[in-house]
PDB file of N, CA and C in Angstrom:
ATOM      1  N   MET A   1     125.220  55.361  77.397  1.00  0.00           N
ATOM      2  CA  MET A   1     124.358  56.206  77.774  1.00  0.00           C
ATOM      3  C   MET A   1     123.670  55.618  78.883  1.00  0.00           C
ATOM      4  N   ARG A   2     123.923  54.276  79.318  1.00  0.00           N
ATOM      5  CA  ARG A   2     122.991  53.518  80.453  1.00  0.00           C
ATOM      6  C   ARG A   2     123.651  54.563  81.557  1.00  0.00           C
ATOM      7  N   TYR A   3     124.469  55.303  81.562  1.00  0.00           N
ATOM      8  CA  TYR A   3     124.819  56.130  82.898  1.00  0.00           C
ATOM      9  C   TYR A   3     124.146  57.981  83.299  1.00  0.00           C
ATOM     10  N   ARG A   4     124.252  57.991  81.363  1.00  0.00           N
ATOM     11  CA  ARG A   4     123.671  58.780  81.915  1.00  0.00           C
ATOM     12  C   ARG A   4     121.909  59.030  81.655  1.00  0.00           C
ATOM     13  N   LEU A   5     121.017  57.921  81.448  1.00  0.00           N
ATOM     14  CA  LEU A   5     119.376  57.815  81.614  1.00  0.00           C
ATOM     15  C   LEU A   5     119.635  57.554  83.365  1.00  0.00           C
ATOM     16  N   THR A   6     120.613  57.039  83.878  1.00  0.00           N
ATOM     17  CA  THR A   6     120.732  57.144  85.359  1.00  0.00           C
ATOM     18  C   THR A   6     120.150  58.029  85.969  1.00  0.00           C
ATOM     19  N   PHE A   7     121.115  58.451  85.270  1.00  0.00           N
ATOM     20  CA  PHE A   7     121.954  59.913  85.695  1.00  0.00           C
ATOM     21  C   PHE A   7     120.369  61.228  85.703  1.00  0.00           C
ATOM     22  N   ILE A   8     119.732  60.959  84.568  1.00  0.00           N
ATOM     23  CA  ILE A   8     118.636  61.730  84.320  1.00  0.00           C
ATOM     24  C   ILE A   8     117.276  61.049  85.258  1.00  0.00           C
ATOM     25  N   ALA A   9     117.239  59.663  84.947  1.00  0.00           N
ATOM     26  CA  ALA A   9     116.285  59.696  86.494  1.00  0.00           C
ATOM     27  C   ALA A   9     116.237  59.715  87.846  1.00  0.00           C
ATOM     28  N   GLY A  10     117.726  59.854  88.198  1.00  0.00           N
ATOM     29  CA  GLY A  10     117.774  60.362  89.569  1.00  0.00           C
ATOM     30  C   GLY A  10     118.070  61.787  89.368  1.00  0.00           C
ATOM     31  N   LEU A  11     117.979  62.718  88.175  1.00  0.00           N
ATOM     32  CA  LEU A  11     117.605  63.579  88.571  1.00  0.00           C
ATOM     33  C   LEU A  11     115.670  64.430  88.926  1.00  0.00           C
ATOM     34  N   ALA A  12     115.489  63.755  88.165  1.00  0.00           N
ATOM     35  CA  ALA A  12     113.894  63.853  87.783  1.00  0.00           C
ATOM     36  C   ALA A  12     113.184  63.237  89.475  1.00  0.00           C
ATOM     37  N   ILE A  13     113.666  62.030  89.773  1.00  0.00           N
ATOM     38  CA  ILE A  13     113.339  61.560  91.280  1.00  0.00           C
ATOM     39  C   ILE A  13     113.995  62.600  92.044  1.00  0.00           C
ATOM     40  N   GLY A  14     115.050  63.515  92.214  1.00  0.00           N
ATOM     41  CA  GLY A  14     114.869  64.150  93.510  1.00  0.00           C
ATOM     42  C   GLY A  14     114.794  65.502  93.122  1.00  0.00           C
ATOM     43  N   TYR A  15     114.496  65.699  91.683  1.00  0.00           N
ATOM     44  CA  TYR A  15     113.429  67.206  91.595  1.00  0.00           C
ATOM     45  C   TYR A  15     111.984  66.851  92.333  1.00  0.00           C
ATOM     46  N   VAL A  16     111.096  65.873  92.056  1.00  0.00           N
ATOM     47  CA  VAL A  16     109.978  65.736  92.250  1.00  0.00           C
ATOM     48  C   VAL A  16     110.331  65.472  93.830  1.00  0.00           C
ATOM     49  N   LEU A  17     110.768  64.831  94.629  1.00  0.00           N
ATOM     50  CA  LEU A  17     111.137  64.664  96.029  1.00  0.00           C
ATOM     51  C   LEU A  17     111.337  66.160  96.559  1.00  0.00           C
ATOM     52  N   GLY A  18     112.147  66.628  95.805  1.00  0.00           N
ATOM     53  CA  GLY A  18     112.676  68.234  96.775  1.00  0.00           C
ATOM     54  C   GLY A  18     111.639  69.294  96.189  1.00  0.00           C
ATOM     55  N   THR A  19     110.651  69.276  94.972  1.00  0.00           N
ATOM     56  CA  THR A  19     109.975  70.541  95.322  1.00  0.00           C
ATOM     57  C   THR A  19     108.545  70.219  95.980  1.00  0.00           C
ATOM     58  N   ARG A  20     108.302  68.771  95.904  1.00  0.00           N
ATOM     59  CA  ARG A  20     107.002  68.278  97.339  1.00  0.00           C
ATOM     60  C   ARG A  20     107.856  69.016  98.862  1.00  0.00           C
ATOM     61  N   ALA A  21     109.081  68.428  98.712  1.00  0.00           N
ATOM     62  CA  ALA A  21     109.533  68.597 100.156  1.00  0.00           C
ATOM     63  C   ALA A  21     108.947  70.097 100.314  1.00  0.00           C
ATOM     64  N   GLY A  22     109.941  70.886  99.648  1.00  0.00           N
ATOM     65  CA  GLY A  22     110.099  72.155  99.390  1.00  0.00           C
ATOM     66  C   GLY A  22     109.077  73.111  99.671  1.00  0.00           C
ATOM     67  N   ARG A  23     107.470  72.726  98.892  1.00  0.00           N
ATOM     68  CA  ARG A  23     106.235  72.911  98.546  1.00  0.00           C
ATOM     69  C   ARG A  23     105.827  73.212 100.483  1.00  0.00           C
ATOM     70  N   GLU A  24     106.072  71.979 101.203  1.00  0.00           N
ATOM     71  CA  GLU A  24     105.088  71.437 102.328  1.00  0.00           C
ATOM     72  C   GLU A  24     105.786  72.172 103.264  1.00  0.00           C
ATOM     73  N   ARG A  25     107.151  73.330 103.020  1.00  0.00           N
ATOM     74  CA  ARG A  25     108.364  73.723 103.730  1.00  0.00           C
ATOM     75  C   ARG A  25     107.411  75.424 103.919  1.00  0.00           C
ATOM     76  N   TYR A  26     106.704  75.681 102.434  1.00  0.00           N
ATOM     77  CA  TYR A  26     106.828  76.566 101.945  1.00  0.00           C
ATOM     78  C   TYR A  26     105.172  77.248 102.728  1.00  0.00           C
ATOM     79  N   GLU A  27     104.227  75.519 102.731  1.00  0.00           N
ATOM     80  CA  GLU A  27     103.246  76.137 102.858  1.00  0.00           C
ATOM     81  C   GLU A  27     103.271  76.151 104.706  1.00  0.00           C
ATOM     82  N   GLN A  28     104.062  75.547 105.232  1.00  0.00           N
ATOM     83  CA  GLN A  28     104.640  75.331 107.215  1.00  0.00           C
ATOM     84  C   GLN A  28     104.843  77.284 107.079  1.00  0.00           C
ATOM     85  N   LEU A  29     105.902  78.000 106.369  1.00  0.00           N
ATOM     86  CA  LEU A  29     106.078  78.668 106.497  1.00  0.00           C
ATOM     87  C   LEU A  29     105.208  79.774 105.912  1.00  0.00           C
ATOM     88  N   LYS A  30     103.819  79.808 105.660  1.00  0.00           N
ATOM     89  CA  LYS A  30     103.007  80.522 105.566  1.00  0.00           C
ATOM     90  C   LYS A  30     101.595  80.699 106.371  1.00  0.00           C
ATOM     91  N   LYS A  31     101.426  79.770 106.756  1.00  0.00           N
ATOM     92  CA  LYS A  31     100.608  79.319 107.844  1.00  0.00           C
ATOM     93  C   LYS A  31     101.339  80.359 109.568  1.00  0.00           C
ATOM     94  N   SER A  32     102.588  79.537 109.526  1.00  0.00           N
ATOM     95  CA  SER A  32     103.605  80.644 110.868  1.00  0.00           C
ATOM     96  C   SER A  32     103.654  81.754 110.242  1.00  0.00           C
ATOM     97  N   ALA A  33     103.629  82.551 109.292  1.00  0.00           N
ATOM     98  CA  ALA A  33     103.439  84.125 108.852  1.00  0.00           C
ATOM     99  C   ALA A  33     101.774  84.672 109.297  1.00  0.00           C
ATOM    100  N   ARG A  34     101.061  83.618 108.506  1.00  0.00           N
ATOM    101  CA  ARG A  34      99.742  84.366 108.634  1.00  0.00           C
ATOM    102  C   ARG A  34      99.378  84.288 110.270  1.00  0.00           C
ATOM    103  N   ARG A  35      99.883  83.394 110.828  1.00  0.00           N
ATOM    104  CA  ARG A  35      99.221  83.062 112.651  1.00  0.00           C
ATOM    105  C   ARG A  35      99.951  84.769 113.335  1.00  0.00           C
ATOM    106  N   ILE A  36     101.282  84.636 112.809  1.00  0.00           N
ATOM    107  CA  ILE A  36     101.976  85.955 113.524  1.00  0.00           C
ATOM    108  C   ILE A  36     101.409  87.154 112.803  1.00  0.00           C
ATOM    109  N   THR A  37     101.212  87.365 112.579  1.00  0.00           N
ATOM    110  CA  THR A  37     100.277  88.798 111.549  1.00  0.00           C
ATOM    111  C   THR A  37      98.675  89.037 111.727  1.00  0.00           C
ATOM    112  N   GLU A  38      98.403  87.441 112.325  1.00  0.00           N
ATOM    113  CA  GLU A  38      96.677  87.828 112.984  1.00  0.00           C
ATOM    114  C   GLU A  38      97.273  87.902 114.324  1.00  0.00           C
ATOM    115  N   ASN A  39      98.056  87.552 115.256  1.00  0.00           N
ATOM    116  CA  ASN A  39      98.119  88.161 116.222  1.00  0.00           C
ATOM    117  C   ASN A  39      97.399  89.498 117.237  1.00  0.00           C
ATOM    118  N   PRO A  40      97.011  89.828 117.374  1.00  0.00           N
ATOM    119  CA  PRO A  40      96.715  91.645 118.059  1.00  0.00           C
ATOM    120  C   PRO A  40      97.768  92.200 118.071  1.00  0.00           C
ATOM    121  N   ALA A  41      98.994  91.087 119.668  1.00  0.00           N
ATOM    122  CA  ALA A  41      99.852  92.531 119.753  1.00  0.00           C
ATOM    123  C   ALA A  41     100.571  92.505 118.282  1.00  0.00           C
ATOM    124  N   VAL A  42     101.102  91.782 117.775  1.00  0.00           N
ATOM    125  CA  VAL A  42     101.720  92.293 116.608  1.00  0.00           C
ATOM    126  C   VAL A  42     101.230  93.644 115.738  1.00  0.00           C
ATOM    127  N   ARG A  43      99.469  93.486 115.576  1.00  0.00           N
ATOM    128  CA  ARG A  43      98.572  94.395 114.966  1.00  0.00           C
ATOM    129  C   ARG A  43      99.172  95.946 115.387  1.00  0.00           C
ATOM    130  N   ASN A  44      98.507  95.992 116.770  1.00  0.00           N
ATOM    131  CA  ASN A  44      99.098  97.288 117.626  1.00  0.00           C
ATOM    132  C   ASN A  44     100.336  97.401 116.997  1.00  0.00           C
ATOM    133  N   THR A  45     101.675  96.876 117.269  1.00  0.00           N
ATOM    134  CA  THR A  45     102.230  97.286 117.744  1.00  0.00           C
ATOM    135  C   THR A  45     103.116  97.831 115.839  1.00  0.00           C
ATOM    136  N   ALA A  46     102.794  97.043 115.097  1.00  0.00           N
ATOM    137  CA  ALA A  46     102.952  97.147 113.872  1.00  0.00           C
ATOM    138  C   ALA A  46     102.253  99.047 113.123  1.00  0.00           C
ATOM    139  N   GLU A  47     101.111  98.523 113.607  1.00  0.00           N
ATOM    140  CA  GLU A  47      99.991 100.377 113.597  1.00  0.00           C
ATOM    141  C   GLU A  47     100.517 101.093 114.134  1.00  0.00           C
ATOM    142  N   THR A  48     100.738 101.049 115.581  1.00  0.00           N
ATOM    143  CA  THR A  48     101.505 101.766 116.086  1.00  0.00           C
ATOM    144  C   THR A  48     103.260 102.955 115.895  1.00  0.00           C
ATOM    145  N   ALA A  49     103.563 101.802 115.673  1.00  0.00           N
ATOM    146  CA  ALA A  49     105.174 101.851 114.604  1.00  0.00           C
ATOM    147  C   ALA A  49     105.135 102.670 113.230  1.00  0.00           C
ATOM    148  N   ALA A  50     103.716 102.231 112.317  1.00  0.00           N
ATOM    149  CA  ALA A  50     103.453 102.927 110.978  1.00  0.00           C
ATOM    150  C   ALA A  50     102.850 104.601 111.400  1.00  0.00           C
ATOM    151  N   GLN A  51     102.337 104.833 112.475  1.00  0.00           N
ATOM    152  CA  GLN A  51     101.793 105.690 112.676  1.00  0.00           C
ATOM    153  C   GLN A  51     102.792 106.414 112.902  1.00  0.00           C
ATOM    154  N   GLN A  52     103.976 106.414 114.119  1.00  0.00           N
ATOM    155  CA  GLN A  52     104.665 107.059 114.610  1.00  0.00           C
ATOM    156  C   GLN A  52     105.894 107.509 113.176  1.00  0.00           C
ATOM    157  N   GLY A  53     105.786 106.597 112.277  1.00  0.00           N
ATOM    158  CA  GLY A  53     106.930 106.780 111.090  1.00  0.00           C
ATOM    159  C   GLY A  53     106.099 107.830 109.923  1.00  0.00           C
ATOM    160  N   ARG A  54     104.622 107.767 110.101  1.00  0.00           N
ATOM    161  CA  ARG A  54     104.203 108.933 109.213  1.00  0.00           C
ATOM    162  C   ARG A  54     103.833 110.176 109.782  1.00  0.00           C
ATOM    163  N   SER A  55     104.217 110.294 111.332  1.00  0.00           N
ATOM    164  CA  SER A  55     104.297 111.245 112.481  1.00  0.00           C
ATOM    165  C   SER A  55     105.905 111.627 111.762  1.00  0.00           C
ATOM    166  N   TYR A  56     106.998 111.379 112.113  1.00  0.00           N
ATOM    167  CA  TYR A  56     108.297 111.425 111.851  1.00  0.00           C
ATOM    168  C   TYR A  56     108.245 112.014 110.188  1.00  0.00           C
ATOM    169  N   ALA A  57     107.910 111.334 109.905  1.00  0.00           N
ATOM    170  CA  ALA A  57     108.263 111.304 107.876  1.00  0.00           C
ATOM    171  C   ALA A  57     107.286 112.954 107.585  1.00  0.00           C
ATOM    172  N   GLY A  58     106.128 113.249 107.753  1.00  0.00           N
ATOM    173  CA  GLY A  58     105.575 114.511 107.967  1.00  0.00           C
ATOM    174  C   GLY A  58     106.506 116.115 108.822  1.00  0.00           C
ATOM    175  N   LYS A  59     106.864 115.650 109.998  1.00  0.00           N
ATOM    176  CA  LYS A  59     107.742 116.393 110.372  1.00  0.00           C
ATOM    177  C   LYS A  59     108.699 116.788 109.265  1.00  0.00           C
ATOM    178  N   ALA A  60     109.844 115.745 108.970  1.00  0.00           N
ATOM    179  CA  ALA A  60     110.657 115.755 108.533  1.00  0.00           C
ATOM    180  C   ALA A  60     110.354 116.383 107.195  1.00  0.00           C
ATOM    181  N   PHE A  61     109.596 116.107 106.778  1.00  0.00           N
ATOM    182  CA  PHE A  61     108.851 116.706 105.268  1.00  0.00           C
ATOM    183  C   PHE A  61     108.770 118.191 105.123  1.00  0.00           C
ATOM    184  N   HIS A  62     107.918 118.710 106.193  1.00  0.00           N
ATOM    185  CA  HIS A  62     107.479 119.751 106.408  1.00  0.00           C
ATOM    186  C   HIS A  62     109.170 120.803 106.901  1.00  0.00           C
ATOM    187  N   THR A  63     110.388 120.551 107.722  1.00  0.00           N
ATOM    188  CA  THR A  63     111.045 121.032 107.732  1.00  0.00           C
ATOM    189  C   THR A  63     111.704 121.172 106.496  1.00  0.00           C
ATOM    190  N   VAL A  64     112.025 120.434 106.052  1.00  0.00           N
ATOM    191  CA  VAL A  64     112.662 120.000 104.729  1.00  0.00           C
ATOM    192  C   VAL A  64     112.208 121.418 103.370  1.00  0.00           C
ATOM    193  N   SER A  65     110.522 120.942 103.337  1.00  0.00           N
ATOM    194  CA  SER A  65     110.446 122.076 102.869  1.00  0.00           C
ATOM    195  C   SER A  65     110.845 123.447 103.222  1.00  0.00           C
ATOM    196  N   ASP A  66     110.154 123.808 104.266  1.00  0.00           N
ATOM    197  CA  ASP A  66     110.384 125.149 104.530  1.00  0.00           C
ATOM    198  C   ASP A  66     112.264 125.671 104.692  1.00  0.00           C
ATOM    199  N   LYS A  67     113.021 124.874 104.858  1.00  0.00           N
ATOM    200  CA  LYS A  67     114.098 125.624 104.560  1.00  0.00           C
ATOM    201  C   LYS A  67     114.764 125.314 102.973  1.00  0.00           C
ATOM    202  N   VAL A  68     114.620 124.414 102.534  1.00  0.00           N
ATOM    203  CA  VAL A  68     114.753 124.429 101.266  1.00  0.00           C
ATOM    204  C   VAL A  68     113.922 126.083 100.138  1.00  0.00           C
ATOM    205  N   GLY A  69     112.732 125.848 100.556  1.00  0.00           N
ATOM    206  CA  GLY A  69     111.951 127.068  99.881  1.00  0.00           C
ATOM    207  C   GLY A  69     112.158 127.747  98.675  1.00  0.00           C
ATOM    208  N   ASP A  70     113.010 128.046  97.382  1.00  0.00           N
ATOM    209  CA  ASP A  70     112.528 128.611  95.981  1.00  0.00           C
ATOM    210  C   ASP A  70     113.979 127.892  96.267  1.00  0.00           C
ATOM    211  N   ARG A  71     115.153 127.739  96.579  1.00  0.00           N
ATOM    212  CA  ARG A  71     116.000 127.135  96.395  1.00  0.00           C
ATOM    213  C   ARG A  71     116.038 125.720  95.306  1.00  0.00           C
ATOM    214  N   VAL A  72     114.643 125.147  94.813  1.00  0.00           N
ATOM    215  CA  VAL A  72     114.628 124.083  94.105  1.00  0.00           C
ATOM    216  C   VAL A  72     113.982 124.830  92.553  1.00  0.00           C
ATOM    217  N   PRO A  73     113.675 123.909  91.657  1.00  0.00           N
ATOM    218  CA  PRO A  73     113.662 123.970  90.469  1.00  0.00           C
ATOM    219  C   PRO A  73     111.546 124.436  90.654  1.00  0.00           C
ATOM    220  N   ASP A  74     110.746 124.954  89.814  1.00  0.00           N
ATOM    221  CA  ASP A  74     109.283 125.217  89.955  1.00  0.00           C
ATOM    222  C   ASP A  74     108.914 123.960  90.088  1.00  0.00           C
ATOM    223  N   SER A  75     109.390 123.068  88.946  1.00  0.00           N
ATOM    224  CA  SER A  75     108.178 121.310  89.055  1.00  0.00           C
ATOM    225  C   SER A  75     108.310 121.170  89.935  1.00  0.00           C
ATOM    226  N   VAL A  76     109.378 120.920  90.512  1.00  0.00           N
ATOM    227  CA  VAL A  76     109.585 120.273  92.445  1.00  0.00           C
ATOM    228  C   VAL A  76     109.198 120.807  93.276  1.00  0.00           C
ATOM    229  N   ALA A  77     109.311 122.499  93.591  1.00  0.00           N
ATOM    230  CA  ALA A  77     108.610 122.843  93.727  1.00  0.00           C
ATOM    231  C   ALA A  77     106.777 122.899  93.975  1.00  0.00           C
ATOM    232  N   GLN A  78     106.539 122.950  93.121  1.00  0.00           N
ATOM    233  CA  GLN A  78     105.317 122.510  92.826  1.00  0.00           C
ATOM    234  C   GLN A  78     104.437 120.733  93.303  1.00  0.00           C
ATOM    235  N   ARG A  79     105.313 120.083  93.119  1.00  0.00           N
ATOM    236  CA  ARG A  79     104.975 119.275  94.010  1.00  0.00           C
ATOM    237  C   ARG A  79     105.345 118.670  94.984  1.00  0.00           C
ATOM    238  N   VAL A  80     106.398 119.256  95.829  1.00  0.00           N
ATOM    239  CA  VAL A  80     106.269 119.687  97.329  1.00  0.00           C
ATOM    240  C   VAL A  80     105.014 120.254  98.253  1.00  0.00           C
ATOM    241  N   ARG A  81     104.654 120.975  97.036  1.00  0.00           N
ATOM    242  CA  ARG A  81     102.792 122.037  97.391  1.00  0.00           C
ATOM    243  C   ARG A  81     102.267 121.185  97.312  1.00  0.00           C
ATOM    244  N   SER A  82     102.034 120.556  96.131  1.00  0.00           N
ATOM    245  CA  SER A  82     101.198 119.447  96.206  1.00  0.00           C
ATOM    246  C   SER A  82     100.629 118.545  97.181  1.00  0.00           C
ATOM    247  N   LEU A  83     101.499 118.315  97.517  1.00  0.00           N
ATOM    248  CA  LEU A  83     101.888 117.077  98.697  1.00  0.00           C
ATOM    249  C   LEU A  83     101.639 117.618 100.395  1.00  0.00           C
ATOM    250  N   LYS A  84     102.075 118.666  99.810  1.00  0.00           N
ATOM    251  CA  LYS A  84     102.166 119.446 101.386  1.00  0.00           C
ATOM    252  C   LYS A  84     100.674 120.202 101.074  1.00  0.00           C
ATOM    253  N   ASP A  85      99.942 120.502 100.416  1.00  0.00           N
ATOM    254  CA  ASP A  85      98.591 120.504 100.818  1.00  0.00           C
ATOM    255  C   ASP A  85      97.706 119.190 101.239  1.00  0.00           C
ATOM    256  N   ARG A  86      98.032 118.357  99.976  1.00  0.00           N
ATOM    257  CA  ARG A  86      97.604 116.922 100.344  1.00  0.00           C
ATOM    258  C   ARG A  86      97.818 116.101 102.188  1.00  0.00           C
ATOM    259  N   THR A  87      98.950 116.718 102.844  1.00  0.00           N
ATOM    260  CA  THR A  87      98.691 115.936 104.072  1.00  0.00           C
ATOM    261  C   THR A  87      98.326 116.587 105.203  1.00  0.00           C
ATOM    262  N   SER A  88      97.947 118.125 104.729  1.00  0.00           N
ATOM    263  CA  SER A  88      98.155 119.327 105.606  1.00  0.00           C
ATOM    264  C   SER A  88      96.708 119.243 106.113  1.00  0.00           C
ATOM    265  N   GLY A  89      95.568 118.206 106.128  1.00  0.00           N
ATOM    266  CA  GLY A  89      94.373 117.973 106.242  1.00  0.00           C
ATOM    267  C   GLY A  89      94.807 117.092 107.320  1.00  0.00           C
ATOM    268  N   GLY A  90      95.156 117.157 108.203  1.00  0.00           N
ATOM    269  CA  GLY A  90      95.178 115.687 108.996  1.00  0.00           C
ATOM    270  C   GLY A  90      96.024 114.560 108.890  1.00  0.00           C
ATOM    271  N   THR A  91      95.487 113.337 108.313  1.00  0.00           N
ATOM    272  CA  THR A  91      96.260 112.175 108.162  1.00  0.00           C
ATOM    273  C   THR A  91      96.357 111.934 106.787  1.00  0.00           C
ATOM    274  N   ALA A  92      97.252 111.502 106.418  1.00  0.00           N
ATOM    275  CA  ALA A  92      97.267 111.070 105.018  1.00  0.00           C
ATOM    276  C   ALA A  92      96.639 109.803 104.750  1.00  0.00           C
ATOM    277  N   GLY A  93      96.161 110.312 103.045  1.00  0.00           N
ATOM    278  CA  GLY A  93      94.812 108.655 102.727  1.00  0.00           C
ATOM    279  C   GLY A  93      95.514 107.936 102.837  1.00  0.00           C
ATOM    280  N   ASP A  94      96.228 107.026 103.655  1.00  0.00           N
ATOM    281  CA  ASP A  94      96.303 105.120 102.895  1.00  0.00           C
ATOM    282  C   ASP A  94      95.695 104.288 103.883  1.00  0.00           C
ATOM    283  N   ASP A  95      96.137 103.475 103.747  1.00  0.00           N
ATOM    284  CA  ASP A  95      95.324 102.027 104.500  1.00  0.00           C
ATOM    285  C   ASP A  95      95.978 101.115 105.108  1.00  0.00           C
ATOM    286  N   TRP A  96      96.760 101.321 105.743  1.00  0.00           N
ATOM    287  CA  TRP A  96      97.799 100.935 106.349  1.00  0.00           C
ATOM    288  C   TRP A  96      97.478 100.450 107.688  1.00  0.00           C
ATOM    289  N   GLY A  97      97.448  99.369 107.780  1.00  0.00           N
ATOM    290  CA  GLY A  97      96.325  98.344 109.146  1.00  0.00           C
ATOM    291  C   GLY A  97      95.457  98.440 109.084  1.00  0.00           C
ATOM    292  N   THR A  98      94.513  98.265 107.802  1.00  0.00           N
ATOM    293  CA  THR A  98      93.073  98.277 107.951  1.00  0.00           C
ATOM    294  C   THR A  98      93.209  96.543 107.200  1.00  0.00           C
ATOM    295  N   SER A  99      91.862  95.699 108.073  1.00  0.00           N
ATOM    296  CA  SER A  99      91.329  94.630 107.590  1.00  0.00           C
ATOM    297  C   SER A  99      91.012  94.827 106.047  1.00  0.00           C
ATOM    298  N   ALA A 100      91.371  93.667 104.989  1.00  0.00           N
ATOM    299  CA  ALA A 100      90.363  93.440 104.301  1.00  0.00           C
ATOM    300  C   ALA A 100      89.533  92.452 104.218  1.00  0.00           C
ATOM    301  N   THR A 101      89.516  91.616 105.393  1.00  0.00           N
ATOM    302  CA  THR A 101      88.880  90.285 105.415  1.00  0.00           C
ATOM    303  C   THR A 101      87.762  90.747 106.221  1.00  0.00           C
TER     304      THR A 101
END
């Protein structure tokens, strides 16, 4: 019984100390990540990559939809047409890169 209580006490103390150290490290990592994402160079690079990704995805979408054409079921074709209509007016309506602060 004495060994069991010693083990449980050690386990409890280790858990408390470990969670405290883990929480401090988590806060440290969170602060570093926030600092990196607020860096203007990183934000500009991410925005450029997102715009290029949207551009390539749009080109691929139109190429595939033009080649597939009538060989898909009507329900899928209607969804593709609705997506095509929604994105053909310029930019898609996403808010990537906008700041909520």
